[in-house]
Amino acid sequence: MQDRLSWTQAAFERILRPAVRLALAMGLKHAQLEEVLRDLLLDEARSLWLKQGEAKPNLSQLSTTTGLNRKDVTARVRATRTPLPATEGSAAAKAYTAWLQLVAEEPMHRRLPVADCGDGPSFELLSRFATRGNVHHRAVLDELQRLNLATVADGVAEMTGDGFVPAASLQDMLAFLGDNVRDHLQAAVSNTLGERPRMLERAVYASGLALEDCERIHQLTREHWDTVHHRLVREMAESVNQADGQGAGRLRVGIYTYYEESQGLGQELDGPRAETIK
């Protein structure tokens, strides 16, 4: 038991280090981080009891599971927190993704007439299709402009960038960071706990490379991801349409690349190594 706790603490140190770096860069202090941790302990404890068949865990059960005192549990049960924007189902993200698909098939469609004139693709038609007509295309285009993902001139919308990365909005970037990293960790945690059939969760690691080779491989990965990305979007769009958007499942598929100068540690490992997670 003690080994398991020690191993888990060591894993948490690795997991949380980038999060702590982000927190310090954004000005969060120990008190704010502790607030987040206490809230998460309570949320996950409640979920754990519900999974075990408990209709509604009482304060004593939540206190025992989390180690928080009853007074703290009571206060947190009643508290609310302002959430980040939703990244799942965003009308702007849906329209931009559909636009990327159109550009992948015909690069000239990076520029589209805003209004539908009945003689070919337009942003109005694309947005109506992507959002199922639930959001006016002008509102979608305004949002893409706010995020610096599109420009408009003389009645023509032009795509900027090659992926839905709202770098102009810190709030949106933090929302995407939270959702993407959360689901990556959800897959890893699910695999570690053996809660369900194994999720795809793999990485390849190498040390002792020149930094220019790291960047070259980074760009190679981007190129391959573009191909996979377009196919996945087609498959997902078809599946959503078949279920009329009412299916019970949600799916996120991601990829990442990270490299840095290894601070003199590059010779400790013996070349490329594939890391396969269960």
Protein backbone atom coordinates (compact mmCIF):
# COMPACT_ATOMS: atom_id res chain seq x y z
CA MET A 1 0.00 0.00 0.00
CA GLN A 2 2.79 2.42 0.92
CA ASP A 3 4.55 1.72 -2.39
CA ARG A 4 1.35 2.45 -4.30
CA LEU A 5 0.89 5.79 -2.53
CA SER A 6 4.54 6.72 -3.14
CA TRP A 7 4.35 5.78 -6.83
CA THR A 8 1.15 7.78 -7.24
CA GLN A 9 2.69 10.83 -5.57
CA ALA A 10 5.66 10.61 -7.93
CA ALA A 11 3.31 10.39 -10.94
CA PHE A 12 1.37 13.41 -9.66
CA GLU A 13 4.59 15.40 -9.42
CA ARG A 14 5.25 14.78 -13.13
CA ILE A 15 1.65 15.47 -14.13
CA LEU A 16 1.30 18.67 -12.13
CA ARG A 17 4.65 20.28 -12.89
CA PRO A 18 3.49 21.91 -16.18
CA ALA A 19 0.23 22.93 -14.49
CA VAL A 20 2.15 24.59 -11.65
CA ARG A 21 4.35 26.38 -14.21
CA LEU A 22 1.19 27.71 -15.91
CA ALA A 23 -0.28 28.72 -12.55
CA LEU A 24 2.79 30.70 -11.53
CA ALA A 25 3.01 32.34 -14.97
CA MET A 26 -0.63 33.45 -14.62
CA GLY A 27 -0.18 34.70 -11.06
CA LEU A 28 -1.99 31.94 -9.17
CA LYS A 29 -0.72 31.32 -5.67
CA HIS A 30 -0.95 28.39 -3.27
CA ALA A 31 -4.33 29.52 -1.92
CA GLN A 32 -6.00 29.51 -5.35
CA LEU A 33 -4.48 26.15 -6.29
CA GLU A 34 -5.63 24.68 -2.99
CA GLU A 35 -9.16 25.92 -3.70
CA VAL A 36 -9.14 24.09 -7.03
CA LEU A 37 -7.81 20.89 -5.46
CA ARG A 38 -10.40 20.92 -2.68
CA ASP A 39 -13.23 21.44 -5.17
CA LEU A 40 -11.97 18.61 -7.37
CA LEU A 41 -11.62 16.26 -4.41
CA LEU A 42 -15.24 16.93 -3.52
CA ASP A 43 -16.53 16.52 -7.11
CA GLU A 44 -14.67 13.27 -7.68
CA ALA A 45 -15.64 11.87 -4.27
CA ARG A 46 -19.28 12.54 -5.08
CA SER A 47 -18.89 10.75 -8.42
CA LEU A 48 -17.15 7.82 -6.72
CA TRP A 49 -20.00 7.32 -4.27
CA LEU A 50 -22.59 7.59 -7.05
CA LYS A 51 -20.76 4.91 -9.06
CA GLN A 52 -20.92 2.66 -6.02
CA GLY A 53 -24.70 2.93 -6.01
CA GLU A 54 -25.13 5.61 -3.37
CA ALA A 55 -28.16 7.75 -4.30
CA LYS A 56 -26.66 10.90 -2.82
CA PRO A 57 -23.57 10.80 -0.58
CA ASN A 58 -23.98 12.63 2.71
CA LEU A 59 -21.56 15.14 4.19
CA SER A 60 -19.91 12.57 6.46
CA GLN A 61 -19.19 10.23 3.54
CA LEU A 62 -17.71 13.07 1.45
CA SER A 63 -15.65 14.28 4.41
CA THR A 64 -14.26 10.80 5.10
CA THR A 65 -13.37 10.15 1.46
CA THR A 66 -11.69 13.51 0.81
CA GLY A 67 -10.16 14.30 4.20
CA LEU A 68 -11.94 17.67 4.17
CA ASN A 69 -13.80 18.68 7.33
CA ARG A 70 -17.62 18.80 7.29
CA LYS A 71 -17.72 22.60 7.44
CA ASP A 72 -15.51 22.86 4.35
CA VAL A 73 -17.58 20.25 2.51
CA THR A 74 -20.81 22.10 3.33
CA ALA A 75 -19.43 25.41 2.03
CA ARG A 76 -18.16 23.86 -1.19
CA VAL A 77 -21.36 21.96 -1.93
CA ARG A 78 -23.15 25.32 -2.04
CA ALA A 79 -20.47 27.27 -3.92
CA THR A 80 -20.38 27.90 -7.66
CA ARG A 81 -17.50 28.76 -9.99
CA THR A 82 -17.61 30.70 -13.25
CA PRO A 83 -16.65 28.20 -15.98
CA LEU A 84 -14.45 28.73 -18.99
CA PRO A 85 -16.17 28.83 -22.39
CA ALA A 86 -17.24 25.47 -23.79
CA THR A 87 -14.93 24.16 -26.50
CA GLU A 88 -17.15 21.23 -27.38
CA GLY A 89 -19.91 22.13 -29.80
CA SER A 90 -18.71 25.69 -30.38
CA ALA A 91 -20.41 27.05 -33.51
CA ALA A 92 -17.19 28.80 -34.53
CA ALA A 93 -15.16 25.60 -34.11
CA LYS A 94 -17.68 23.58 -36.12
CA ALA A 95 -17.74 26.10 -38.97
CA TYR A 96 -13.96 26.46 -39.02
CA THR A 97 -13.49 22.68 -39.07
CA ALA A 98 -15.94 22.34 -41.97
CA TRP A 99 -14.06 25.13 -43.74
CA LEU A 100 -10.77 23.29 -43.26
CA GLN A 101 -12.32 20.23 -44.88
CA LEU A 102 -13.43 22.30 -47.84
CA VAL A 103 -9.93 23.80 -48.20
CA ALA A 104 -8.33 20.35 -47.99
CA GLU A 105 -10.35 19.33 -51.05
CA GLU A 106 -9.87 22.61 -52.90
CA PRO A 107 -7.32 25.17 -51.60
CA MET A 108 -9.00 28.05 -53.47
CA HIS A 109 -11.84 27.87 -50.93
CA ARG A 110 -9.68 29.59 -48.30
CA ARG A 111 -11.57 32.60 -49.69
CA LEU A 112 -15.36 32.36 -49.73
CA PRO A 113 -18.09 34.87 -50.48
CA VAL A 114 -19.82 35.67 -47.22
CA ALA A 115 -23.36 35.60 -48.63
CA ASP A 116 -24.95 32.72 -50.50
CA CYS A 117 -25.48 33.74 -54.11
CA GLY A 118 -26.57 30.33 -55.31
CA ASP A 119 -23.54 29.73 -57.53
CA GLY A 120 -21.10 27.78 -55.37
CA PRO A 121 -19.71 27.48 -51.85
CA SER A 122 -20.15 30.41 -49.52
CA PHE A 123 -19.50 31.03 -45.85
CA GLU A 124 -23.22 31.34 -45.27
CA LEU A 125 -23.88 27.86 -46.67
CA LEU A 126 -20.88 26.36 -44.89
CA SER A 127 -21.91 27.84 -41.54
CA ARG A 128 -25.52 26.76 -41.97
CA PHE A 129 -24.39 23.19 -42.66
CA ALA A 130 -21.85 23.10 -39.81
CA THR A 131 -24.17 24.56 -37.16
CA ARG A 132 -27.37 22.94 -38.47
CA GLY A 133 -28.77 26.43 -38.90
CA ASN A 134 -28.81 27.08 -35.15
CA VAL A 135 -26.48 30.11 -35.29
CA HIS A 136 -26.60 32.93 -37.84
CA HIS A 137 -23.58 32.85 -40.13
CA ARG A 138 -22.77 36.51 -39.40
CA ALA A 139 -22.46 35.74 -35.69
CA VAL A 140 -20.17 32.79 -36.48
CA LEU A 141 -18.03 34.93 -38.77
CA ASP A 142 -17.83 37.70 -36.15
CA GLU A 143 -16.53 35.14 -33.64
CA LEU A 144 -13.90 33.84 -36.09
CA GLN A 145 -12.78 37.41 -36.70
CA ARG A 146 -12.55 38.05 -32.95
CA LEU A 147 -10.29 35.00 -32.66
CA ASN A 148 -8.16 36.15 -35.63
CA LEU A 149 -9.11 33.00 -37.54
CA ALA A 150 -10.76 34.83 -40.46
CA THR A 151 -10.78 38.21 -42.14
CA VAL A 152 -13.51 39.87 -44.18
CA ALA A 153 -13.09 42.37 -47.00
CA ASP A 154 -15.41 43.35 -49.88
CA GLY A 155 -17.91 40.66 -49.03
CA VAL A 156 -15.29 37.87 -49.01
CA ALA A 157 -14.23 35.86 -45.96
CA GLU A 158 -10.68 34.53 -45.89
CA MET A 159 -9.40 31.82 -43.57
CA THR A 160 -6.27 32.57 -41.57
CA GLY A 161 -4.26 29.77 -40.02
CA ASP A 162 -4.51 26.01 -40.49
CA GLY A 163 -6.27 24.92 -37.32
CA PHE A 164 -8.77 26.14 -34.76
CA VAL A 165 -6.25 27.70 -32.39
CA PRO A 166 -7.81 30.85 -30.87
CA ALA A 167 -4.45 32.39 -29.93
CA ALA A 168 -5.94 35.88 -29.81
CA SER A 169 -8.08 34.98 -26.80
CA LEU A 170 -6.34 33.87 -23.60
CA GLN A 171 -9.64 32.70 -22.12
CA ASP A 172 -10.36 30.47 -25.13
CA MET A 173 -6.78 29.14 -25.20
CA LEU A 174 -7.07 28.20 -21.52
CA ALA A 175 -10.39 26.50 -22.23
CA PHE A 176 -8.85 24.40 -25.02
CA LEU A 177 -5.82 23.62 -22.87
CA GLY A 178 -8.09 22.41 -20.08
CA ASP A 179 -10.32 20.27 -22.29
CA ASN A 180 -7.58 18.73 -24.43
CA VAL A 181 -5.22 17.89 -21.56
CA ARG A 182 -8.12 16.67 -19.42
CA ASP A 183 -9.17 14.10 -22.02
CA HIS A 184 -5.58 13.01 -22.65
CA LEU A 185 -5.24 12.35 -18.93
CA GLN A 186 -8.69 10.74 -18.80
CA ALA A 187 -7.48 8.15 -21.31
CA ALA A 188 -4.23 7.55 -19.39
CA VAL A 189 -6.01 7.28 -16.02
CA SER A 190 -8.67 4.97 -17.46
CA ASN A 191 -5.92 2.73 -18.86
CA THR A 192 -4.03 2.72 -15.54
CA LEU A 193 -7.11 1.90 -13.47
CA GLY A 194 -8.39 -0.65 -15.99
CA GLU A 195 -11.86 0.86 -15.89
CA ARG A 196 -12.82 0.01 -19.49
CA PRO A 197 -11.31 -1.35 -22.72
CA ARG A 198 -7.89 0.18 -23.32
CA MET A 199 -7.89 3.58 -25.02
CA LEU A 200 -5.29 4.50 -27.63
CA GLU A 201 -2.59 6.39 -25.67
CA ARG A 202 0.93 6.10 -27.02
CA ALA A 203 4.07 8.16 -27.52
CA VAL A 204 7.52 7.83 -29.09
CA TYR A 205 10.49 9.33 -27.27
CA ALA A 206 14.10 9.98 -28.26
CA SER A 207 16.97 11.92 -26.70
CA GLY A 208 20.35 13.04 -27.99
CA LEU A 209 18.94 14.78 -31.10
CA ALA A 210 20.02 18.12 -32.51
CA LEU A 211 17.38 20.79 -31.89
CA GLU A 212 17.02 21.38 -35.65
CA ASP A 213 16.14 17.69 -36.06
CA CYS A 214 13.55 18.03 -33.31
CA GLU A 215 11.91 20.84 -35.27
CA ARG A 216 12.13 18.89 -38.55
CA ILE A 217 10.36 15.91 -36.98
CA HIS A 218 7.87 18.28 -35.39
CA GLN A 219 6.94 19.60 -38.85
CA LEU A 220 6.80 16.07 -40.25
CA THR A 221 4.33 15.15 -37.51
CA ARG A 222 2.20 18.18 -38.38
CA GLU A 223 2.07 17.09 -42.02
CA HIS A 224 0.96 13.57 -41.15
CA TRP A 225 -1.57 14.87 -38.64
CA ASP A 226 -3.19 17.05 -41.32
CA THR A 227 -3.97 13.92 -43.35
CA VAL A 228 -5.32 12.00 -40.36
CA HIS A 229 -7.23 15.04 -39.12
CA HIS A 230 -9.23 15.47 -42.33
CA ARG A 231 -10.18 11.79 -42.40
CA LEU A 232 -11.25 11.83 -38.76
CA VAL A 233 -13.37 14.92 -39.27
CA ARG A 234 -15.17 13.24 -42.18
CA GLU A 235 -15.81 10.11 -40.13
CA MET A 236 -17.02 12.09 -37.12
CA ALA A 237 -19.29 14.32 -39.21
CA GLU A 238 -20.87 11.30 -40.89
CA SER A 239 -21.40 9.57 -37.54
CA VAL A 240 -23.00 12.67 -36.02
CA ASN A 241 -25.33 12.99 -39.00
CA GLN A 242 -26.30 9.30 -38.80
CA ALA A 243 -27.25 9.78 -35.16
CA ASP A 244 -28.96 13.09 -36.01
CA GLY A 245 -26.70 14.68 -33.42
CA GLN A 246 -28.51 12.82 -30.62
CA GLY A 247 -26.01 10.05 -29.87
CA ALA A 248 -24.94 9.53 -26.26
CA GLY A 249 -21.20 9.37 -26.92
CA ARG A 250 -18.50 12.01 -27.15
CA LEU A 251 -15.05 11.50 -28.67
CA ARG A 252 -11.86 13.55 -28.74
CA VAL A 253 -8.80 12.46 -30.73
CA GLY A 254 -5.61 14.46 -30.25
CA ILE A 255 -1.90 14.55 -30.90
CA TYR A 256 0.97 16.48 -29.41
CA THR A 257 4.68 17.09 -29.93
CA TYR A 258 6.99 18.60 -27.35
CA TYR A 259 10.73 19.16 -27.43
CA GLU A 260 13.27 21.20 -25.52
CA GLU A 261 16.97 21.38 -24.81
CA SER A 262 17.57 18.52 -22.38
CA GLN A 263 19.94 20.29 -19.95
CA GLY A 264 22.78 17.80 -20.37
CA LEU A 265 20.63 14.72 -19.84
CA GLY A 266 20.64 13.61 -23.46
CA GLN A 267 23.36 10.98 -23.04
CA GLU A 268 21.61 9.10 -20.24
CA LEU A 269 19.22 7.33 -22.59
CA ASP A 270 20.23 5.08 -25.45
CA GLY A 271 18.46 6.43 -28.52
CA PRO A 272 14.85 6.28 -29.70
CA ARG A 273 12.40 4.36 -27.59
CA ALA A 274 8.73 3.67 -28.25
CA GLU A 275 6.50 4.15 -25.26
CA THR A 276 3.34 2.08 -25.64
CA ILE A 277 0.66 2.50 -22.98
CA LYS A 278 -1.20 -0.76 -22.52
